Structure formats: structure tokens, C-alpha cells
Amino acid sequence: TMVAFILALLIVVGLIVNPRVQIGSR
């Protein structure tokens, strides 16, 4: 439950921020 909560929180924050960082060429 602890892991699921942390993962869900990170996913929600990630969707809001929507990071796009280029790593490598492809």
C-alpha cells in the first residue's frame, strides 16, 4: 500500500508537470 501510494502520487504530479527531457539522440 505504501509503494502504491508513492507511485500514484508521483504519476499524478508527473502528469501535471509533464516533464520532457531529451536523453540521447532517439
mmCIF file of all heavy atoms, coordinates in Angstrom:
data_MODEL
# 
_entry.id   MODEL 
# 
loop_
_atom_site.group_PDB 
_atom_site.id 
_atom_site.type_symbol 
_atom_site.label_atom_id 
_atom_site.label_alt_id 
_atom_site.label_comp_id 
_atom_site.label_asym_id 
_atom_site.label_entity_id 
_atom_site.label_seq_id 
_atom_site.pdbx_PDB_ins_code 
_atom_site.Cartn_x 
_atom_site.Cartn_y 
_atom_site.Cartn_z 
_atom_site.occupancy 
_atom_site.B_iso_or_equiv 
_atom_site.pdbx_formal_charge 
_atom_site.auth_seq_id 
_atom_site.auth_comp_id 
_atom_site.auth_asym_id 
_atom_site.auth_atom_id 
_atom_site.pdbx_PDB_model_num 
ATOM 1   N N   . THR A 1 1  ? 0.832  -1.206 0.000   1.00 0.00 ? 1  THR A N   1 
ATOM 2   C CA  . THR A 1 1  ? 0.000  0.000  0.000   1.00 0.00 ? 1  THR A CA  1 
ATOM 3   C C   . THR A 1 1  ? 0.864  1.253  0.000   1.00 0.00 ? 1  THR A C   1 
ATOM 4   O O   . THR A 1 1  ? 0.580  2.227  -0.704  1.00 0.00 ? 1  THR A O   1 
ATOM 5   C CB  . THR A 1 1  ? -0.925 0.008  1.231   1.00 0.00 ? 1  THR A CB  1 
ATOM 6   O OG1 . THR A 1 1  ? -1.727 -1.169 1.222   1.00 0.00 ? 1  THR A OG1 1 
ATOM 7   C CG2 . THR A 1 1  ? -1.819 1.233  1.226   1.00 0.00 ? 1  THR A CG2 1 
ATOM 8   N N   . MET A 1 2  ? 1.952  1.224  0.770   1.00 0.00 ? 2  MET A N   1 
ATOM 9   C CA  . MET A 1 2  ? 2.863  2.354  0.833   1.00 0.00 ? 2  MET A CA  1 
ATOM 10  C C   . MET A 1 2  ? 3.485  2.622  -0.537  1.00 0.00 ? 2  MET A C   1 
ATOM 11  O O   . MET A 1 2  ? 3.520  3.767  -1.012  1.00 0.00 ? 2  MET A O   1 
ATOM 12  C CB  . MET A 1 2  ? 3.949  2.082  1.862   1.00 0.00 ? 2  MET A CB  1 
ATOM 13  C CG  . MET A 1 2  ? 5.064  3.109  1.912   1.00 0.00 ? 2  MET A CG  1 
ATOM 14  S SD  . MET A 1 2  ? 6.363  2.561  3.042   1.00 0.00 ? 2  MET A SD  1 
ATOM 15  C CE  . MET A 1 2  ? 6.890  1.024  2.255   1.00 0.00 ? 2  MET A CE  1 
ATOM 16  N N   . VAL A 1 3  ? 3.956  1.571  -1.200  1.00 0.00 ? 3  VAL A N   1 
ATOM 17  C CA  . VAL A 1 3  ? 4.579  1.735  -2.507  1.00 0.00 ? 3  VAL A CA  1 
ATOM 18  C C   . VAL A 1 3  ? 3.557  2.236  -3.524  1.00 0.00 ? 3  VAL A C   1 
ATOM 19  O O   . VAL A 1 3  ? 3.845  3.119  -4.338  1.00 0.00 ? 3  VAL A O   1 
ATOM 20  C CB  . VAL A 1 3  ? 5.199  0.405  -2.973  1.00 0.00 ? 3  VAL A CB  1 
ATOM 21  C CG1 . VAL A 1 3  ? 5.782  0.564  -4.375  1.00 0.00 ? 3  VAL A CG1 1 
ATOM 22  C CG2 . VAL A 1 3  ? 6.274  -0.055 -2.011  1.00 0.00 ? 3  VAL A CG2 1 
ATOM 23  N N   . ALA A 1 4  ? 2.351  1.667  -3.492  1.00 0.00 ? 4  ALA A N   1 
ATOM 24  C CA  . ALA A 1 4  ? 1.312  2.082  -4.431  1.00 0.00 ? 4  ALA A CA  1 
ATOM 25  C C   . ALA A 1 4  ? 0.949  3.554  -4.244  1.00 0.00 ? 4  ALA A C   1 
ATOM 26  O O   . ALA A 1 4  ? 0.727  4.282  -5.214  1.00 0.00 ? 4  ALA A O   1 
ATOM 27  C CB  . ALA A 1 4  ? 0.078  1.203  -4.252  1.00 0.00 ? 4  ALA A CB  1 
ATOM 28  N N   . PHE A 1 5  ? 0.896  3.993  -2.979  1.00 0.00 ? 5  PHE A N   1 
ATOM 29  C CA  . PHE A 1 5  ? 0.561  5.393  -2.710  1.00 0.00 ? 5  PHE A CA  1 
ATOM 30  C C   . PHE A 1 5  ? 1.640  6.321  -3.273  1.00 0.00 ? 5  PHE A C   1 
ATOM 31  O O   . PHE A 1 5  ? 1.342  7.336  -3.928  1.00 0.00 ? 5  PHE A O   1 
ATOM 32  C CB  . PHE A 1 5  ? 0.407  5.610  -1.210  1.00 0.00 ? 5  PHE A CB  1 
ATOM 33  C CG  . PHE A 1 5  ? 0.242  7.053  -0.818  1.00 0.00 ? 5  PHE A CG  1 
ATOM 34  C CD1 . PHE A 1 5  ? -0.972 7.704  -1.007  1.00 0.00 ? 5  PHE A CD1 1 
ATOM 35  C CD2 . PHE A 1 5  ? 1.314  7.760  -0.276  1.00 0.00 ? 5  PHE A CD2 1 
ATOM 36  C CE1 . PHE A 1 5  ? -1.109 9.042  -0.656  1.00 0.00 ? 5  PHE A CE1 1 
ATOM 37  C CE2 . PHE A 1 5  ? 1.179  9.097  0.074   1.00 0.00 ? 5  PHE A CE2 1 
ATOM 38  C CZ  . PHE A 1 5  ? -0.043 9.732  -0.120  1.00 0.00 ? 5  PHE A CZ  1 
ATOM 39  N N   . ILE A 1 6  ? 2.914  5.989  -3.025  1.00 0.00 ? 6  ILE A N   1 
ATOM 40  C CA  . ILE A 1 6  ? 4.006  6.828  -3.525  1.00 0.00 ? 6  ILE A CA  1 
ATOM 41  C C   . ILE A 1 6  ? 4.004  6.849  -5.050  1.00 0.00 ? 6  ILE A C   1 
ATOM 42  O O   . ILE A 1 6  ? 4.174  7.896  -5.689  1.00 0.00 ? 6  ILE A O   1 
ATOM 43  C CB  . ILE A 1 6  ? 5.354  6.319  -2.987  1.00 0.00 ? 6  ILE A CB  1 
ATOM 44  C CG1 . ILE A 1 6  ? 5.409  6.464  -1.463  1.00 0.00 ? 6  ILE A CG1 1 
ATOM 45  C CG2 . ILE A 1 6  ? 6.517  7.071  -3.625  1.00 0.00 ? 6  ILE A CG2 1 
ATOM 46  C CD1 . ILE A 1 6  ? 6.647  5.860  -0.834  1.00 0.00 ? 6  ILE A CD1 1 
ATOM 47  N N   . LEU A 1 7  ? 3.787  5.688  -5.668  1.00 0.00 ? 7  LEU A N   1 
ATOM 48  C CA  . LEU A 1 7  ? 3.770  5.609  -7.123  1.00 0.00 ? 7  LEU A CA  1 
ATOM 49  C C   . LEU A 1 7  ? 2.621  6.429  -7.699  1.00 0.00 ? 7  LEU A C   1 
ATOM 50  O O   . LEU A 1 7  ? 2.802  7.179  -8.676  1.00 0.00 ? 7  LEU A O   1 
ATOM 51  C CB  . LEU A 1 7  ? 3.649  4.145  -7.566  1.00 0.00 ? 7  LEU A CB  1 
ATOM 52  C CG  . LEU A 1 7  ? 3.576  3.898  -9.076  1.00 0.00 ? 7  LEU A CG  1 
ATOM 53  C CD1 . LEU A 1 7  ? 4.826  4.438  -9.763  1.00 0.00 ? 7  LEU A CD1 1 
ATOM 54  C CD2 . LEU A 1 7  ? 3.412  2.412  -9.361  1.00 0.00 ? 7  LEU A CD2 1 
ATOM 55  N N   . ALA A 1 8  ? 1.430  6.305  -7.107  1.00 0.00 ? 8  ALA A N   1 
ATOM 56  C CA  . ALA A 1 8  ? 0.277  7.070  -7.592  1.00 0.00 ? 8  ALA A CA  1 
ATOM 57  C C   . ALA A 1 8  ? 0.520  8.567  -7.462  1.00 0.00 ? 8  ALA A C   1 
ATOM 58  O O   . ALA A 1 8  ? 0.184  9.351  -8.363  1.00 0.00 ? 8  ALA A O   1 
ATOM 59  C CB  . ALA A 1 8  ? -0.974 6.658  -6.819  1.00 0.00 ? 8  ALA A CB  1 
ATOM 60  N N   . LEU A 1 9  ? 1.117  8.970  -6.349  1.00 0.00 ? 9  LEU A N   1 
ATOM 61  C CA  . LEU A 1 9  ? 1.408  10.388 -6.141  1.00 0.00 ? 9  LEU A CA  1 
ATOM 62  C C   . LEU A 1 9  ? 2.376  10.906 -7.192  1.00 0.00 ? 9  LEU A C   1 
ATOM 63  O O   . LEU A 1 9  ? 2.178  11.992 -7.773  1.00 0.00 ? 9  LEU A O   1 
ATOM 64  C CB  . LEU A 1 9  ? 1.983  10.592 -4.736  1.00 0.00 ? 9  LEU A CB  1 
ATOM 65  C CG  . LEU A 1 9  ? 2.353  12.039 -4.358  1.00 0.00 ? 9  LEU A CG  1 
ATOM 66  C CD1 . LEU A 1 9  ? 1.112  12.917 -4.365  1.00 0.00 ? 9  LEU A CD1 1 
ATOM 67  C CD2 . LEU A 1 9  ? 3.024  12.064 -2.987  1.00 0.00 ? 9  LEU A CD2 1 
ATOM 68  N N   . LEU A 1 10 ? 3.424  10.136 -7.498  1.00 0.00 ? 10 LEU A N   1 
ATOM 69  C CA  . LEU A 1 10 ? 4.396  10.556 -8.496  1.00 0.00 ? 10 LEU A CA  1 
ATOM 70  C C   . LEU A 1 10 ? 3.780  10.621 -9.891  1.00 0.00 ? 10 LEU A C   1 
ATOM 71  O O   . LEU A 1 10 ? 4.104  11.506 -10.693 1.00 0.00 ? 10 LEU A O   1 
ATOM 72  C CB  . LEU A 1 10 ? 5.598  9.609  -8.487  1.00 0.00 ? 10 LEU A CB  1 
ATOM 73  C CG  . LEU A 1 10 ? 6.489  9.661  -7.245  1.00 0.00 ? 10 LEU A CG  1 
ATOM 74  C CD1 . LEU A 1 10 ? 7.602  8.628  -7.359  1.00 0.00 ? 10 LEU A CD1 1 
ATOM 75  C CD2 . LEU A 1 10 ? 7.100  11.045 -7.078  1.00 0.00 ? 10 LEU A CD2 1 
ATOM 76  N N   . ILE A 1 11 ? 2.893  9.680  -10.193 1.00 0.00 ? 11 ILE A N   1 
ATOM 77  C CA  . ILE A 1 11 ? 2.243  9.686  -11.501 1.00 0.00 ? 11 ILE A CA  1 
ATOM 78  C C   . ILE A 1 11 ? 1.364  10.924 -11.665 1.00 0.00 ? 11 ILE A C   1 
ATOM 79  O O   . ILE A 1 11 ? 1.378  11.595 -12.704 1.00 0.00 ? 11 ILE A O   1 
ATOM 80  C CB  . ILE A 1 11 ? 1.416  8.402  -11.698 1.00 0.00 ? 11 ILE A CB  1 
ATOM 81  C CG1 . ILE A 1 11 ? 2.348  7.200  -11.855 1.00 0.00 ? 11 ILE A CG1 1 
ATOM 82  C CG2 . ILE A 1 11 ? 0.504  8.528  -12.926 1.00 0.00 ? 11 ILE A CG2 1 
ATOM 83  C CD1 . ILE A 1 11 ? 1.630  5.879  -11.939 1.00 0.00 ? 11 ILE A CD1 1 
ATOM 84  N N   . VAL A 1 12 ? 0.593  11.251 -10.625 1.00 0.00 ? 12 VAL A N   1 
ATOM 85  C CA  . VAL A 1 12 ? -0.265 12.434 -10.686 1.00 0.00 ? 12 VAL A CA  1 
ATOM 86  C C   . VAL A 1 12 ? 0.562  13.697 -10.865 1.00 0.00 ? 12 VAL A C   1 
ATOM 87  O O   . VAL A 1 12 ? 0.280  14.543 -11.725 1.00 0.00 ? 12 VAL A O   1 
ATOM 88  C CB  . VAL A 1 12 ? -1.146 12.525 -9.413  1.00 0.00 ? 12 VAL A CB  1 
ATOM 89  C CG1 . VAL A 1 12 ? -1.866 13.873 -9.365  1.00 0.00 ? 12 VAL A CG1 1 
ATOM 90  C CG2 . VAL A 1 12 ? -2.139 11.382 -9.381  1.00 0.00 ? 12 VAL A CG2 1 
ATOM 91  N N   . VAL A 1 13 ? 1.618  13.826 -10.070 1.00 0.00 ? 13 VAL A N   1 
ATOM 92  C CA  . VAL A 1 13 ? 2.483  15.005 -10.194 1.00 0.00 ? 13 VAL A CA  1 
ATOM 93  C C   . VAL A 1 13 ? 3.137  15.044 -11.572 1.00 0.00 ? 13 VAL A C   1 
ATOM 94  O O   . VAL A 1 13 ? 3.232  16.103 -12.210 1.00 0.00 ? 13 VAL A O   1 
ATOM 95  C CB  . VAL A 1 13 ? 3.543  15.009 -9.079  1.00 0.00 ? 13 VAL A CB  1 
ATOM 96  C CG1 . VAL A 1 13 ? 4.555  16.135 -9.297  1.00 0.00 ? 13 VAL A CG1 1 
ATOM 97  C CG2 . VAL A 1 13 ? 2.882  15.138 -7.717  1.00 0.00 ? 13 VAL A CG2 1 
ATOM 98  N N   . GLY A 1 14 ? 3.581  13.874 -12.046 1.00 0.00 ? 14 GLY A N   1 
ATOM 99  C CA  . GLY A 1 14 ? 4.216  13.818 -13.358 1.00 0.00 ? 14 GLY A CA  1 
ATOM 100 C C   . GLY A 1 14 ? 3.280  14.212 -14.477 1.00 0.00 ? 14 GLY A C   1 
ATOM 101 O O   . GLY A 1 14 ? 3.674  14.921 -15.413 1.00 0.00 ? 14 GLY A O   1 
ATOM 102 N N   . LEU A 1 15 ? 2.034  13.779 -14.413 1.00 0.00 ? 15 LEU A N   1 
ATOM 103 C CA  . LEU A 1 15 ? 1.066  14.138 -15.445 1.00 0.00 ? 15 LEU A CA  1 
ATOM 104 C C   . LEU A 1 15 ? 0.783  15.635 -15.434 1.00 0.00 ? 15 LEU A C   1 
ATOM 105 O O   . LEU A 1 15 ? 0.547  16.244 -16.491 1.00 0.00 ? 15 LEU A O   1 
ATOM 106 C CB  . LEU A 1 15 ? -0.231 13.347 -15.243 1.00 0.00 ? 15 LEU A CB  1 
ATOM 107 C CG  . LEU A 1 15 ? -0.149 11.847 -15.558 1.00 0.00 ? 15 LEU A CG  1 
ATOM 108 C CD1 . LEU A 1 15 ? -1.423 11.143 -15.155 1.00 0.00 ? 15 LEU A CD1 1 
ATOM 109 C CD2 . LEU A 1 15 ? 0.133  11.634 -17.052 1.00 0.00 ? 15 LEU A CD2 1 
ATOM 110 N N   . ILE A 1 16 ? 0.782  16.223 -14.254 1.00 0.00 ? 16 ILE A N   1 
ATOM 111 C CA  . ILE A 1 16 ? 0.532  17.670 -14.162 1.00 0.00 ? 16 ILE A CA  1 
ATOM 112 C C   . ILE A 1 16 ? 1.715  18.457 -14.717 1.00 0.00 ? 16 ILE A C   1 
ATOM 113 O O   . ILE A 1 16 ? 1.571  19.375 -15.524 1.00 0.00 ? 16 ILE A O   1 
ATOM 114 C CB  . ILE A 1 16 ? 0.251  18.071 -12.701 1.00 0.00 ? 16 ILE A CB  1 
ATOM 115 C CG1 . ILE A 1 16 ? -1.070 17.421 -12.229 1.00 0.00 ? 16 ILE A CG1 1 
ATOM 116 C CG2 . ILE A 1 16 ? 0.167  19.586 -12.572 1.00 0.00 ? 16 ILE A CG2 1 
ATOM 117 C CD1 . ILE A 1 16 ? -1.348 17.641 -10.766 1.00 0.00 ? 16 ILE A CD1 1 
ATOM 118 N N   . VAL A 1 17 ? 2.926  18.066 -14.297 1.00 0.00 ? 17 VAL A N   1 
ATOM 119 C CA  . VAL A 1 17 ? 4.120  18.779 -14.744 1.00 0.00 ? 17 VAL A CA  1 
ATOM 120 C C   . VAL A 1 17 ? 4.477  18.420 -16.192 1.00 0.00 ? 17 VAL A C   1 
ATOM 121 O O   . VAL A 1 17 ? 4.966  19.250 -16.956 1.00 0.00 ? 17 VAL A O   1 
ATOM 122 C CB  . VAL A 1 17 ? 5.299  18.468 -13.800 1.00 0.00 ? 17 VAL A CB  1 
ATOM 123 C CG1 . VAL A 1 17 ? 6.576  19.148 -14.274 1.00 0.00 ? 17 VAL A CG1 1 
ATOM 124 C CG2 . VAL A 1 17 ? 4.952  18.890 -12.377 1.00 0.00 ? 17 VAL A CG2 1 
ATOM 125 N N   . ASN A 1 18 ? 4.229  17.142 -16.548 1.00 0.00 ? 18 ASN A N   1 
ATOM 126 C CA  . ASN A 1 18 ? 4.514  16.617 -17.894 1.00 0.00 ? 18 ASN A CA  1 
ATOM 127 C C   . ASN A 1 18 ? 5.951  16.898 -18.326 1.00 0.00 ? 18 ASN A C   1 
ATOM 128 O O   . ASN A 1 18 ? 6.216  17.623 -19.284 1.00 0.00 ? 18 ASN A O   1 
ATOM 129 C CB  . ASN A 1 18 ? 3.553  17.212 -18.924 1.00 0.00 ? 18 ASN A CB  1 
ATOM 130 C CG  . ASN A 1 18 ? 3.634  16.462 -20.253 1.00 0.00 ? 18 ASN A CG  1 
ATOM 131 O OD1 . ASN A 1 18 ? 4.038  15.302 -20.304 1.00 0.00 ? 18 ASN A OD1 1 
ATOM 132 N ND2 . ASN A 1 18 ? 3.253  17.128 -21.330 1.00 0.00 ? 18 ASN A ND2 1 
ATOM 133 N N   . PRO A 1 19 ? 6.933  16.312 -17.631 1.00 0.00 ? 19 PRO A N   1 
ATOM 134 C CA  . PRO A 1 19 ? 8.333  16.583 -17.972 1.00 0.00 ? 19 PRO A CA  1 
ATOM 135 C C   . PRO A 1 19 ? 8.717  15.948 -19.305 1.00 0.00 ? 19 PRO A C   1 
ATOM 136 O O   . PRO A 1 19 ? 8.285  14.845 -19.638 1.00 0.00 ? 19 PRO A O   1 
ATOM 137 C CB  . PRO A 1 19 ? 9.098  15.934 -16.810 1.00 0.00 ? 19 PRO A CB  1 
ATOM 138 C CG  . PRO A 1 19 ? 8.204  14.828 -16.362 1.00 0.00 ? 19 PRO A CG  1 
ATOM 139 C CD  . PRO A 1 19 ? 6.801  15.334 -16.550 1.00 0.00 ? 19 PRO A CD  1 
ATOM 140 N N   . ARG A 1 20 ? 9.548  16.644 -20.069 1.00 0.00 ? 20 ARG A N   1 
ATOM 141 C CA  . ARG A 1 20 ? 10.065 16.110 -21.329 1.00 0.00 ? 20 ARG A CA  1 
ATOM 142 C C   . ARG A 1 20 ? 11.545 16.514 -21.412 1.00 0.00 ? 20 ARG A C   1 
ATOM 143 O O   . ARG A 1 20 ? 11.861 17.666 -21.712 1.00 0.00 ? 20 ARG A O   1 
ATOM 144 C CB  . ARG A 1 20 ? 9.299  16.659 -22.531 1.00 0.00 ? 20 ARG A CB  1 
ATOM 145 C CG  . ARG A 1 20 ? 7.813  16.336 -22.507 1.00 0.00 ? 20 ARG A CG  1 
ATOM 146 C CD  . ARG A 1 20 ? 7.116  16.937 -23.714 1.00 0.00 ? 20 ARG A CD  1 
ATOM 147 N NE  . ARG A 1 20 ? 7.480  16.236 -24.927 1.00 0.00 ? 20 ARG A NE  1 
ATOM 148 C CZ  . ARG A 1 20 ? 6.811  15.179 -25.399 1.00 0.00 ? 20 ARG A CZ  1 
ATOM 149 N NH1 . ARG A 1 20 ? 5.754  14.708 -24.749 1.00 0.00 ? 20 ARG A NH1 1 
ATOM 150 N NH2 . ARG A 1 20 ? 7.191  14.593 -26.519 1.00 0.00 ? 20 ARG A NH2 1 
ATOM 151 N N   . VAL A 1 21 ? 12.392 15.561 -21.106 1.00 0.00 ? 21 VAL A N   1 
ATOM 152 C CA  . VAL A 1 21 ? 13.835 15.825 -21.099 1.00 0.00 ? 21 VAL A CA  1 
ATOM 153 C C   . VAL A 1 21 ? 14.485 14.925 -22.137 1.00 0.00 ? 21 VAL A C   1 
ATOM 154 O O   . VAL A 1 21 ? 14.355 13.698 -22.072 1.00 0.00 ? 21 VAL A O   1 
ATOM 155 C CB  . VAL A 1 21 ? 14.455 15.562 -19.703 1.00 0.00 ? 21 VAL A CB  1 
ATOM 156 C CG1 . VAL A 1 21 ? 15.948 15.837 -19.725 1.00 0.00 ? 21 VAL A CG1 1 
ATOM 157 C CG2 . VAL A 1 21 ? 13.754 16.401 -18.654 1.00 0.00 ? 21 VAL A CG2 1 
ATOM 158 N N   . GLN A 1 22 ? 15.185 15.515 -23.103 1.00 0.00 ? 22 GLN A N   1 
ATOM 159 C CA  . GLN A 1 22 ? 15.842 14.737 -24.143 1.00 0.00 ? 22 GLN A CA  1 
ATOM 160 C C   . GLN A 1 22 ? 17.070 14.038 -23.568 1.00 0.00 ? 22 GLN A C   1 
ATOM 161 O O   . GLN A 1 22 ? 17.937 14.671 -22.963 1.00 0.00 ? 22 GLN A O   1 
ATOM 162 C CB  . GLN A 1 22 ? 16.268 15.646 -25.295 1.00 0.00 ? 22 GLN A CB  1 
ATOM 163 C CG  . GLN A 1 22 ? 16.674 14.882 -26.555 1.00 0.00 ? 22 GLN A CG  1 
ATOM 164 C CD  . GLN A 1 22 ? 15.483 14.234 -27.243 1.00 0.00 ? 22 GLN A CD  1 
ATOM 165 O OE1 . GLN A 1 22 ? 14.361 14.737 -27.142 1.00 0.00 ? 22 GLN A OE1 1 
ATOM 166 N NE2 . GLN A 1 22 ? 15.717 13.127 -27.921 1.00 0.00 ? 22 GLN A NE2 1 
ATOM 167 N N   . ILE A 1 23 ? 17.134 12.716 -23.750 1.00 0.00 ? 23 ILE A N   1 
ATOM 168 C CA  . ILE A 1 23 ? 18.297 11.945 -23.314 1.00 0.00 ? 23 ILE A CA  1 
ATOM 169 C C   . ILE A 1 23 ? 18.786 11.134 -24.505 1.00 0.00 ? 23 ILE A C   1 
ATOM 170 O O   . ILE A 1 23 ? 18.116 10.233 -24.970 1.00 0.00 ? 23 ILE A O   1 
ATOM 171 C CB  . ILE A 1 23 ? 17.973 11.034 -22.116 1.00 0.00 ? 23 ILE A CB  1 
ATOM 172 C CG1 . ILE A 1 23 ? 16.742 10.164 -22.379 1.00 0.00 ? 23 ILE A CG1 1 
ATOM 173 C CG2 . ILE A 1 23 ? 17.753 11.846 -20.869 1.00 0.00 ? 23 ILE A CG2 1 
ATOM 174 C CD1 . ILE A 1 23 ? 16.494 9.140  -21.311 1.00 0.00 ? 23 ILE A CD1 1 
ATOM 175 N N   . GLY A 1 24 ? 19.921 11.474 -25.000 1.00 0.00 ? 24 GLY A N   1 
ATOM 176 C CA  . GLY A 1 24 ? 20.403 10.779 -26.179 1.00 0.00 ? 24 GLY A CA  1 
ATOM 177 C C   . GLY A 1 24 ? 19.752 11.324 -27.440 1.00 0.00 ? 24 GLY A C   1 
ATOM 178 O O   . GLY A 1 24 ? 19.031 12.316 -27.427 1.00 0.00 ? 24 GLY A O   1 
ATOM 179 N N   . SER A 1 25 ? 19.985 10.636 -28.532 1.00 0.00 ? 25 SER A N   1 
ATOM 180 C CA  . SER A 1 25 ? 19.517 11.130 -29.830 1.00 0.00 ? 25 SER A CA  1 
ATOM 181 C C   . SER A 1 25 ? 18.127 10.656 -30.195 1.00 0.00 ? 25 SER A C   1 
ATOM 182 O O   . SER A 1 25 ? 17.454 11.278 -31.015 1.00 0.00 ? 25 SER A O   1 
ATOM 183 C CB  . SER A 1 25 ? 20.500 10.694 -30.924 1.00 0.00 ? 25 SER A CB  1 
ATOM 184 O OG  . SER A 1 25 ? 20.599 9.269  -30.948 1.00 0.00 ? 25 SER A OG  1 
ATOM 185 N N   . ARG A 1 26 ? 17.667 9.544  -29.601 1.00 0.00 ? 26 ARG A N   1 
ATOM 186 C CA  . ARG A 1 26 ? 16.401 8.983  -30.056 1.00 0.00 ? 26 ARG A CA  1 
ATOM 187 C C   . ARG A 1 26 ? 15.329 8.898  -28.979 1.00 0.00 ? 26 ARG A C   1 
ATOM 188 O O   . ARG A 1 26 ? 14.173 8.638  -29.285 1.00 0.00 ? 26 ARG A O   1 
ATOM 189 C CB  . ARG A 1 26 ? 16.629 7.563  -30.619 1.00 0.00 ? 26 ARG A CB  1 
ATOM 190 C CG  . ARG A 1 26 ? 17.457 7.533  -31.885 1.00 0.00 ? 26 ARG A CG  1 
ATOM 191 C CD  . ARG A 1 26 ? 17.418 6.160  -32.515 1.00 0.00 ? 26 ARG A CD  1 
ATOM 192 N NE  . ARG A 1 26 ? 17.916 5.140  -31.600 1.00 0.00 ? 26 ARG A NE  1 
ATOM 193 C CZ  . ARG A 1 26 ? 17.791 3.830  -31.815 1.00 0.00 ? 26 ARG A CZ  1 
ATOM 194 N NH1 . ARG A 1 26 ? 17.172 3.388  -32.882 1.00 0.00 ? 26 ARG A NH1 1 
ATOM 195 N NH2 . ARG A 1 26 ? 18.286 2.963  -30.945 1.00 0.00 ? 26 ARG A NH2 1 
# 
